[in-house]
Amino acid sequence: MAKHEELEQMIRPAVEATGFELWGIEYLAQGKHSVLRIFIDHENGINVDDCAEVSHQVSGVLDLEDPIKGLYNLEVSSPGMDRPLFNEQQFARYVGEEVELRVAIPINGRRKFKGVIEQVNNGVMTLLVDGESHEIICQQVDKANLVAKY
């Protein structure tokens, strides 16, 4: 399979041509049940027809380029209320919000954190967890999601 960044660069023009923002992608390798999940966003929100339109456009690119060997399902969706965060710019966009995240390399023996993003500067996020600030390198975040407010 193409690297994550290459895959993102490959499909970004197709998503943007439909007028949407490519929020991020996830690839879950599970044999015959592998999934390529594409998250799209727009200031006016996302509906099912939007997802279908982007799916059609992206499918054409993926069929032509064939970056993923084997069978997989393509899913296109909105990031939702508990939206995943994929990069430093997205972390910075949600300063003051609560997130749950997992890091690749343990920090003080911990890999999972839940706290409020205090700031993001030069690739480092400061996360307030139980009254204590933790500095986390954005590129070491494996998975991050906003904590939904109901």
N, C-alpha and C. Protein backbone atom coordinates (compact mmCIF):
# COMPACT_ATOMS: atom_id res chain seq x y z
N MET A 1 0.83 -1.18 0.00
CA MET A 1 0.00 0.00 0.00
C MET A 1 0.88 1.25 0.00
N ALA A 2 0.40 2.27 -0.66
CA ALA A 2 1.11 3.55 -0.65
C ALA A 2 1.17 4.07 0.78
N LYS A 3 2.19 4.85 1.07
CA LYS A 3 2.30 5.45 2.40
C LYS A 3 1.11 6.37 2.64
N HIS A 4 0.81 6.54 3.91
CA HIS A 4 -0.33 7.37 4.33
C HIS A 4 -0.29 8.75 3.67
N GLU A 5 0.87 9.42 3.71
CA GLU A 5 1.00 10.76 3.15
C GLU A 5 0.79 10.75 1.65
N GLU A 6 1.32 9.72 0.97
CA GLU A 6 1.15 9.62 -0.48
C GLU A 6 -0.32 9.41 -0.84
N LEU A 7 -0.99 8.59 -0.07
CA LEU A 7 -2.40 8.33 -0.30
C LEU A 7 -3.21 9.61 -0.11
N GLU A 8 -2.89 10.35 0.92
CA GLU A 8 -3.58 11.62 1.19
C GLU A 8 -3.36 12.61 0.05
N GLN A 9 -2.13 12.72 -0.43
CA GLN A 9 -1.82 13.63 -1.54
C GLN A 9 -2.53 13.20 -2.82
N MET A 10 -2.70 11.90 -2.99
CA MET A 10 -3.35 11.36 -4.18
C MET A 10 -4.84 11.72 -4.22
N ILE A 11 -5.51 11.64 -3.07
CA ILE A 11 -6.96 11.84 -3.07
C ILE A 11 -7.38 13.28 -2.75
N ARG A 12 -6.48 14.07 -2.18
CA ARG A 12 -6.82 15.45 -1.80
C ARG A 12 -7.41 16.26 -2.97
N PRO A 13 -6.79 16.24 -4.17
CA PRO A 13 -7.36 17.04 -5.26
C PRO A 13 -8.79 16.63 -5.62
N ALA A 14 -9.09 15.34 -5.56
CA ALA A 14 -10.45 14.87 -5.88
C ALA A 14 -11.45 15.37 -4.85
N VAL A 15 -11.06 15.36 -3.58
CA VAL A 15 -11.94 15.85 -2.52
C VAL A 15 -12.15 17.35 -2.67
N GLU A 16 -11.06 18.09 -2.85
CA GLU A 16 -11.16 19.54 -2.94
C GLU A 16 -11.90 19.99 -4.19
N ALA A 17 -11.84 19.20 -5.28
CA ALA A 17 -12.56 19.53 -6.51
C ALA A 17 -14.07 19.51 -6.29
N THR A 18 -14.52 18.78 -5.28
CA THR A 18 -15.95 18.73 -4.97
C THR A 18 -16.36 19.83 -4.00
N GLY A 19 -15.37 20.63 -3.55
CA GLY A 19 -15.67 21.76 -2.68
C GLY A 19 -15.57 21.45 -1.19
N PHE A 20 -15.01 20.30 -0.86
CA PHE A 20 -14.90 19.91 0.55
C PHE A 20 -13.44 19.90 0.99
N GLU A 21 -13.25 19.91 2.31
CA GLU A 21 -11.92 19.82 2.90
C GLU A 21 -11.64 18.36 3.26
N LEU A 22 -10.46 17.89 2.89
CA LEU A 22 -10.04 16.55 3.32
C LEU A 22 -9.57 16.70 4.76
N TRP A 23 -10.37 16.21 5.71
CA TRP A 23 -10.04 16.34 7.13
C TRP A 23 -8.97 15.34 7.52
N GLY A 24 -9.03 14.13 6.97
CA GLY A 24 -8.04 13.11 7.28
C GLY A 24 -8.46 11.76 6.74
N ILE A 25 -7.53 10.80 6.82
CA ILE A 25 -7.83 9.44 6.37
C ILE A 25 -7.33 8.44 7.41
N GLU A 26 -8.00 7.30 7.43
CA GLU A 26 -7.58 6.16 8.25
C GLU A 26 -7.63 4.92 7.37
N TYR A 27 -6.62 4.07 7.49
CA TYR A 27 -6.64 2.79 6.79
C TYR A 27 -6.55 1.70 7.84
N LEU A 28 -7.56 0.86 7.88
CA LEU A 28 -7.60 -0.25 8.82
C LEU A 28 -7.42 -1.55 8.05
N ALA A 29 -6.23 -2.14 8.14
CA ALA A 29 -5.92 -3.38 7.43
C ALA A 29 -6.49 -4.56 8.20
N GLN A 30 -7.49 -5.20 7.61
CA GLN A 30 -8.16 -6.34 8.26
C GLN A 30 -8.46 -7.43 7.24
N GLY A 31 -7.46 -7.80 6.45
CA GLY A 31 -7.65 -8.84 5.45
C GLY A 31 -8.70 -8.45 4.43
N LYS A 32 -9.69 -9.33 4.23
CA LYS A 32 -10.76 -9.07 3.26
C LYS A 32 -11.68 -7.93 3.69
N HIS A 33 -11.59 -7.55 4.93
CA HIS A 33 -12.48 -6.52 5.46
C HIS A 33 -11.74 -5.21 5.76
N SER A 34 -10.67 -4.94 5.02
CA SER A 34 -9.92 -3.70 5.21
C SER A 34 -10.79 -2.51 4.84
N VAL A 35 -10.51 -1.37 5.48
CA VAL A 35 -11.33 -0.17 5.27
C VAL A 35 -10.42 1.04 5.07
N LEU A 36 -10.71 1.81 4.02
CA LEU A 36 -10.11 3.12 3.84
C LEU A 36 -11.20 4.12 4.19
N ARG A 37 -11.00 4.83 5.29
CA ARG A 37 -12.01 5.78 5.78
C ARG A 37 -11.50 7.20 5.50
N ILE A 38 -12.31 7.96 4.79
CA ILE A 38 -11.98 9.34 4.44
C ILE A 38 -12.94 10.26 5.16
N PHE A 39 -12.38 11.22 5.88
CA PHE A 39 -13.20 12.20 6.59
C PHE A 39 -13.17 13.51 5.81
N ILE A 40 -14.35 14.06 5.52
CA ILE A 40 -14.45 15.32 4.81
C ILE A 40 -15.18 16.33 5.70
N ASP A 41 -14.92 17.61 5.44
CA ASP A 41 -15.57 18.65 6.23
C ASP A 41 -15.92 19.82 5.33
N HIS A 42 -16.85 20.64 5.81
CA HIS A 42 -17.27 21.85 5.11
C HIS A 42 -17.90 22.77 6.13
N GLU A 43 -17.75 24.05 5.95
CA GLU A 43 -18.29 25.02 6.92
C GLU A 43 -19.80 24.90 7.08
N ASN A 44 -20.50 24.40 6.06
CA ASN A 44 -21.96 24.23 6.13
C ASN A 44 -22.37 22.82 6.56
N GLY A 45 -21.40 22.01 6.97
CA GLY A 45 -21.70 20.64 7.38
C GLY A 45 -21.65 19.68 6.20
N ILE A 46 -21.91 18.41 6.51
CA ILE A 46 -21.82 17.33 5.52
C ILE A 46 -23.11 16.53 5.59
N ASN A 47 -23.62 16.12 4.41
CA ASN A 47 -24.78 15.22 4.39
C ASN A 47 -24.45 13.98 3.57
N VAL A 48 -25.37 13.06 3.50
CA VAL A 48 -25.14 11.78 2.83
C VAL A 48 -24.82 11.98 1.34
N ASP A 49 -25.50 12.91 0.70
CA ASP A 49 -25.23 13.17 -0.72
C ASP A 49 -23.81 13.68 -0.93
N ASP A 50 -23.32 14.50 -0.01
CA ASP A 50 -21.94 14.99 -0.09
C ASP A 50 -20.96 13.82 -0.02
N CYS A 51 -21.21 12.91 0.90
CA CYS A 51 -20.33 11.74 1.06
C CYS A 51 -20.35 10.88 -0.20
N ALA A 52 -21.52 10.70 -0.80
CA ALA A 52 -21.65 9.91 -2.02
C ALA A 52 -20.88 10.56 -3.17
N GLU A 53 -20.98 11.88 -3.28
CA GLU A 53 -20.28 12.60 -4.34
C GLU A 53 -18.77 12.45 -4.20
N VAL A 54 -18.26 12.63 -2.99
CA VAL A 54 -16.82 12.50 -2.76
C VAL A 54 -16.38 11.05 -2.98
N SER A 55 -17.18 10.10 -2.53
CA SER A 55 -16.86 8.69 -2.72
C SER A 55 -16.71 8.37 -4.21
N HIS A 56 -17.61 8.88 -5.02
CA HIS A 56 -17.56 8.65 -6.47
C HIS A 56 -16.27 9.23 -7.06
N GLN A 57 -15.94 10.46 -6.68
CA GLN A 57 -14.73 11.11 -7.20
C GLN A 57 -13.46 10.39 -6.77
N VAL A 58 -13.40 10.05 -5.48
CA VAL A 58 -12.20 9.40 -4.94
C VAL A 58 -12.06 7.99 -5.50
N SER A 59 -13.16 7.29 -5.69
CA SER A 59 -13.11 5.93 -6.26
C SER A 59 -12.45 5.94 -7.62
N GLY A 60 -12.77 6.96 -8.43
CA GLY A 60 -12.15 7.06 -9.75
C GLY A 60 -10.64 7.18 -9.66
N VAL A 61 -10.16 7.99 -8.74
CA VAL A 61 -8.71 8.17 -8.55
C VAL A 61 -8.08 6.87 -8.06
N LEU A 62 -8.72 6.24 -7.07
CA LEU A 62 -8.16 5.01 -6.51
C LEU A 62 -8.16 3.88 -7.53
N ASP A 63 -9.19 3.80 -8.35
CA ASP A 63 -9.23 2.76 -9.39
C ASP A 63 -8.12 2.97 -10.41
N LEU A 64 -7.85 4.22 -10.74
CA LEU A 64 -6.81 4.53 -11.72
C LEU A 64 -5.41 4.31 -11.16
N GLU A 65 -5.16 4.81 -9.96
CA GLU A 65 -3.83 4.74 -9.35
C GLU A 65 -3.54 3.40 -8.68
N ASP A 66 -4.56 2.73 -8.20
CA ASP A 66 -4.48 1.43 -7.53
C ASP A 66 -3.40 1.37 -6.43
N PRO A 67 -3.48 2.29 -5.44
CA PRO A 67 -2.44 2.35 -4.41
C PRO A 67 -2.57 1.29 -3.32
N ILE A 68 -3.73 0.66 -3.23
CA ILE A 68 -3.97 -0.33 -2.17
C ILE A 68 -4.17 -1.69 -2.82
N LYS A 69 -3.30 -2.61 -2.48
CA LYS A 69 -3.40 -3.96 -3.03
C LYS A 69 -4.43 -4.75 -2.24
N GLY A 70 -5.21 -5.55 -2.92
CA GLY A 70 -6.20 -6.37 -2.25
C GLY A 70 -7.53 -5.66 -2.12
N LEU A 71 -8.46 -6.35 -1.48
CA LEU A 71 -9.81 -5.84 -1.31
C LEU A 71 -9.90 -4.89 -0.12
N TYR A 72 -10.75 -3.89 -0.26
CA TYR A 72 -11.01 -2.97 0.85
C TYR A 72 -12.33 -2.26 0.58
N ASN A 73 -12.90 -1.72 1.63
CA ASN A 73 -14.10 -0.91 1.50
C ASN A 73 -13.72 0.55 1.66
N LEU A 74 -14.34 1.41 0.86
CA LEU A 74 -14.13 2.84 0.96
C LEU A 74 -15.30 3.44 1.72
N GLU A 75 -15.00 4.18 2.78
CA GLU A 75 -16.03 4.88 3.54
C GLU A 75 -15.70 6.37 3.53
N VAL A 76 -16.71 7.19 3.28
CA VAL A 76 -16.55 8.64 3.33
C VAL A 76 -17.55 9.16 4.34
N SER A 77 -17.07 9.97 5.29
CA SER A 77 -17.99 10.48 6.31
C SER A 77 -17.52 11.83 6.84
N SER A 78 -18.40 12.44 7.61
CA SER A 78 -18.08 13.65 8.36
C SER A 78 -17.23 13.23 9.56
N PRO A 79 -16.37 14.12 10.05
CA PRO A 79 -15.62 13.78 11.26
C PRO A 79 -16.50 13.61 12.50
N GLY A 80 -17.69 14.22 12.50
CA GLY A 80 -18.60 14.06 13.63
C GLY A 80 -18.23 14.92 14.82
N MET A 81 -19.03 14.78 15.89
CA MET A 81 -18.81 15.59 17.09
C MET A 81 -17.54 15.19 17.83
N ASP A 82 -17.20 13.91 17.78
CA ASP A 82 -15.98 13.42 18.44
C ASP A 82 -14.87 13.28 17.40
N ARG A 83 -14.79 14.29 16.56
CA ARG A 83 -13.92 14.23 15.39
C ARG A 83 -12.48 13.83 15.71
N PRO A 84 -11.91 13.00 14.85
CA PRO A 84 -10.50 12.68 14.99
C PRO A 84 -9.66 13.90 14.59
N LEU A 85 -8.52 14.04 15.23
CA LEU A 85 -7.58 15.11 14.89
C LEU A 85 -6.32 14.44 14.37
N PHE A 86 -5.84 14.90 13.22
CA PHE A 86 -4.76 14.21 12.53
C PHE A 86 -3.43 14.96 12.50
N ASN A 87 -3.44 16.28 12.73
CA ASN A 87 -2.20 17.02 12.54
C ASN A 87 -2.14 18.26 13.45
N GLU A 88 -0.97 18.89 13.44
CA GLU A 88 -0.72 20.05 14.30
C GLU A 88 -1.72 21.18 14.06
N GLN A 89 -2.06 21.44 12.79
CA GLN A 89 -3.00 22.51 12.48
C GLN A 89 -4.36 22.25 13.10
N GLN A 90 -4.78 21.00 13.09
CA GLN A 90 -6.08 20.66 13.69
C GLN A 90 -6.02 20.77 15.21
N PHE A 91 -4.90 20.36 15.82
CA PHE A 91 -4.76 20.54 17.27
C PHE A 91 -4.86 22.02 17.62
N ALA A 92 -4.18 22.87 16.84
CA ALA A 92 -4.18 24.31 17.11
C ALA A 92 -5.58 24.90 16.94
N ARG A 93 -6.34 24.38 16.02
CA ARG A 93 -7.70 24.86 15.77
C ARG A 93 -8.62 24.61 16.97
N TYR A 94 -8.27 23.63 17.79
CA TYR A 94 -9.11 23.25 18.92
C TYR A 94 -8.48 23.54 20.28
N VAL A 95 -7.62 24.57 20.34
CA VAL A 95 -7.09 25.02 21.64
C VAL A 95 -8.27 25.39 22.53
N GLY A 96 -8.21 24.92 23.78
CA GLY A 96 -9.30 25.17 24.73
C GLY A 96 -10.33 24.05 24.77
N GLU A 97 -10.20 23.09 23.87
CA GLU A 97 -11.14 21.96 23.82
C GLU A 97 -10.53 20.72 24.47
N GLU A 98 -11.40 19.83 24.92
CA GLU A 98 -10.95 18.58 25.55
C GLU A 98 -10.76 17.50 24.49
N VAL A 99 -9.66 16.76 24.61
CA VAL A 99 -9.34 15.68 23.69
C VAL A 99 -8.93 14.43 24.45
N GLU A 100 -9.09 13.30 23.79
CA GLU A 100 -8.52 12.03 24.25
C GLU A 100 -7.49 11.65 23.20
N LEU A 101 -6.30 11.25 23.64
CA LEU A 101 -5.29 10.88 22.67
C LEU A 101 -4.39 9.76 23.18
N ARG A 102 -3.72 9.13 22.21
CA ARG A 102 -2.76 8.07 22.50
C ARG A 102 -1.48 8.41 21.75
N VAL A 103 -0.35 8.31 22.45
CA VAL A 103 0.95 8.62 21.85
C VAL A 103 1.70 7.33 21.53
N ALA A 104 2.60 7.42 20.54
CA ALA A 104 3.38 6.27 20.11
C ALA A 104 4.42 5.87 21.15
N ILE A 105 5.04 6.88 21.77
CA ILE A 105 6.10 6.64 22.75
C ILE A 105 5.59 7.12 24.11
N PRO A 106 5.61 6.27 25.13
CA PRO A 106 5.09 6.67 26.45
C PRO A 106 5.76 7.93 26.99
N ILE A 107 4.97 8.76 27.65
CA ILE A 107 5.45 9.96 28.32
C ILE A 107 5.23 9.74 29.81
N ASN A 108 6.32 9.67 30.57
CA ASN A 108 6.25 9.37 32.00
C ASN A 108 5.44 8.10 32.25
N GLY A 109 5.67 7.10 31.40
CA GLY A 109 5.00 5.80 31.56
C GLY A 109 3.57 5.74 31.05
N ARG A 110 3.07 6.81 30.46
CA ARG A 110 1.68 6.85 29.97
C ARG A 110 1.64 6.97 28.46
N ARG A 111 0.65 6.30 27.87
CA ARG A 111 0.40 6.45 26.44
C ARG A 111 -0.95 7.11 26.16
N LYS A 112 -1.88 7.03 27.12
CA LYS A 112 -3.21 7.60 26.93
C LYS A 112 -3.40 8.82 27.81
N PHE A 113 -3.97 9.86 27.22
CA PHE A 113 -4.21 11.12 27.93
C PHE A 113 -5.60 11.65 27.59
N LYS A 114 -6.21 12.32 28.55
CA LYS A 114 -7.46 13.03 28.32
C LYS A 114 -7.33 14.37 29.02
N GLY A 115 -7.41 15.44 28.23
CA GLY A 115 -7.25 16.76 28.81
C GLY A 115 -7.59 17.86 27.83
N VAL A 116 -7.32 19.08 28.23
CA VAL A 116 -7.64 20.27 27.43
C VAL A 116 -6.38 20.76 26.73
N ILE A 117 -6.48 21.03 25.44
CA ILE A 117 -5.35 21.58 24.70
C ILE A 117 -5.16 23.03 25.15
N GLU A 118 -3.99 23.31 25.74
CA GLU A 118 -3.70 24.67 26.21
C GLU A 118 -3.09 25.52 25.11
N GLN A 119 -2.16 24.92 24.37
CA GLN A 119 -1.51 25.65 23.28
C GLN A 119 -0.81 24.66 22.36
N VAL A 120 -0.49 25.14 21.16
CA VAL A 120 0.27 24.36 20.19
C VAL A 120 1.29 25.31 19.57
N ASN A 121 2.57 24.98 19.73
CA ASN A 121 3.65 25.81 19.19
C ASN A 121 4.77 24.93 18.66
N ASN A 122 5.20 25.21 17.44
CA ASN A 122 6.36 24.53 16.85
C ASN A 122 6.30 23.02 16.99
N GLY A 123 5.16 22.44 16.69
CA GLY A 123 5.03 20.99 16.70
C GLY A 123 4.82 20.36 18.06
N VAL A 124 4.66 21.18 19.09
CA VAL A 124 4.46 20.67 20.44
C VAL A 124 3.13 21.18 21.00
N MET A 125 2.32 20.25 21.48
CA MET A 125 1.04 20.58 22.09
C MET A 125 1.20 20.51 23.61
N THR A 126 0.64 21.50 24.30
CA THR A 126 0.59 21.46 25.76
C THR A 126 -0.82 21.04 26.14
N LEU A 127 -0.91 19.94 26.87
CA LEU A 127 -2.20 19.36 27.25
C LEU A 127 -2.34 19.41 28.77
N LEU A 128 -3.42 20.02 29.24
CA LEU A 128 -3.69 20.10 30.68
C LEU A 128 -4.50 18.88 31.09
N VAL A 129 -3.87 18.02 31.90
CA VAL A 129 -4.49 16.77 32.35
C VAL A 129 -4.53 16.79 33.88
N ASP A 130 -5.72 16.79 34.45
CA ASP A 130 -5.88 16.78 35.91
C ASP A 130 -5.03 17.85 36.60
N GLY A 131 -5.03 19.07 36.04
CA GLY A 131 -4.31 20.18 36.64
C GLY A 131 -2.83 20.22 36.34
N GLU A 132 -2.32 19.25 35.58
CA GLU A 132 -0.89 19.18 35.27
C GLU A 132 -0.69 19.29 33.76
N SER A 133 0.25 20.14 33.34
CA SER A 133 0.54 20.33 31.91
C SER A 133 1.53 19.28 31.42
N HIS A 134 1.24 18.73 30.25
CA HIS A 134 2.12 17.76 29.60
C HIS A 134 2.45 18.27 28.21
N GLU A 135 3.73 18.24 27.83
CA GLU A 135 4.12 18.62 26.48
C GLU A 135 4.19 17.36 25.64
N ILE A 136 3.48 17.40 24.51
CA ILE A 136 3.38 16.24 23.64
C ILE A 136 3.76 16.66 22.23
N ILE A 137 4.70 15.95 21.62
CA ILE A 137 5.09 16.23 20.24
C ILE A 137 3.95 15.76 19.34
N CYS A 138 3.45 16.67 18.53
CA CYS A 138 2.27 16.39 17.71
C CYS A 138 2.46 15.16 16.81
N GLN A 139 3.65 15.00 16.25
CA GLN A 139 3.89 13.87 15.35
C GLN A 139 3.93 12.53 16.08
N GLN A 140 4.02 12.54 17.40
CA GLN A 140 4.03 11.29 18.16
C GLN A 140 2.63 10.86 18.59
N VAL A 141 1.62 11.63 18.20
CA VAL A 141 0.24 11.27 18.53
C VAL A 141 -0.23 10.22 17.52
N ASP A 142 -0.57 9.03 18.02
CA ASP A 142 -1.09 7.95 17.18
C ASP A 142 -2.55 8.18 16.82
N LYS A 143 -3.31 8.61 17.80
CA LYS A 143 -4.75 8.77 17.62
C LYS A 143 -5.23 9.85 18.57
N ALA A 144 -6.09 10.74 18.07
CA ALA A 144 -6.65 11.80 18.91
C ALA A 144 -8.08 12.09 18.46
N ASN A 145 -8.93 12.33 19.43
CA ASN A 145 -10.33 12.68 19.15
C ASN A 145 -10.78 13.76 20.11
N LEU A 146 -11.62 14.67 19.60
CA LEU A 146 -12.29 15.62 20.48
C LEU A 146 -13.22 14.84 21.39
N VAL A 147 -13.40 15.31 22.60
CA VAL A 147 -14.40 14.73 23.49
C VAL A 147 -15.70 15.46 23.19
N ALA A 148 -16.70 14.71 22.75
CA ALA A 148 -17.98 15.30 22.35
C ALA A 148 -18.69 15.92 23.55
N LYS A 149 -19.29 17.07 23.32
CA LYS A 149 -20.07 17.75 24.36
C LYS A 149 -21.54 17.57 24.01
N TYR A 150 -22.27 17.00 24.92
CA TYR A 150 -23.70 16.77 24.65
C TYR A 150 -24.55 17.69 25.46
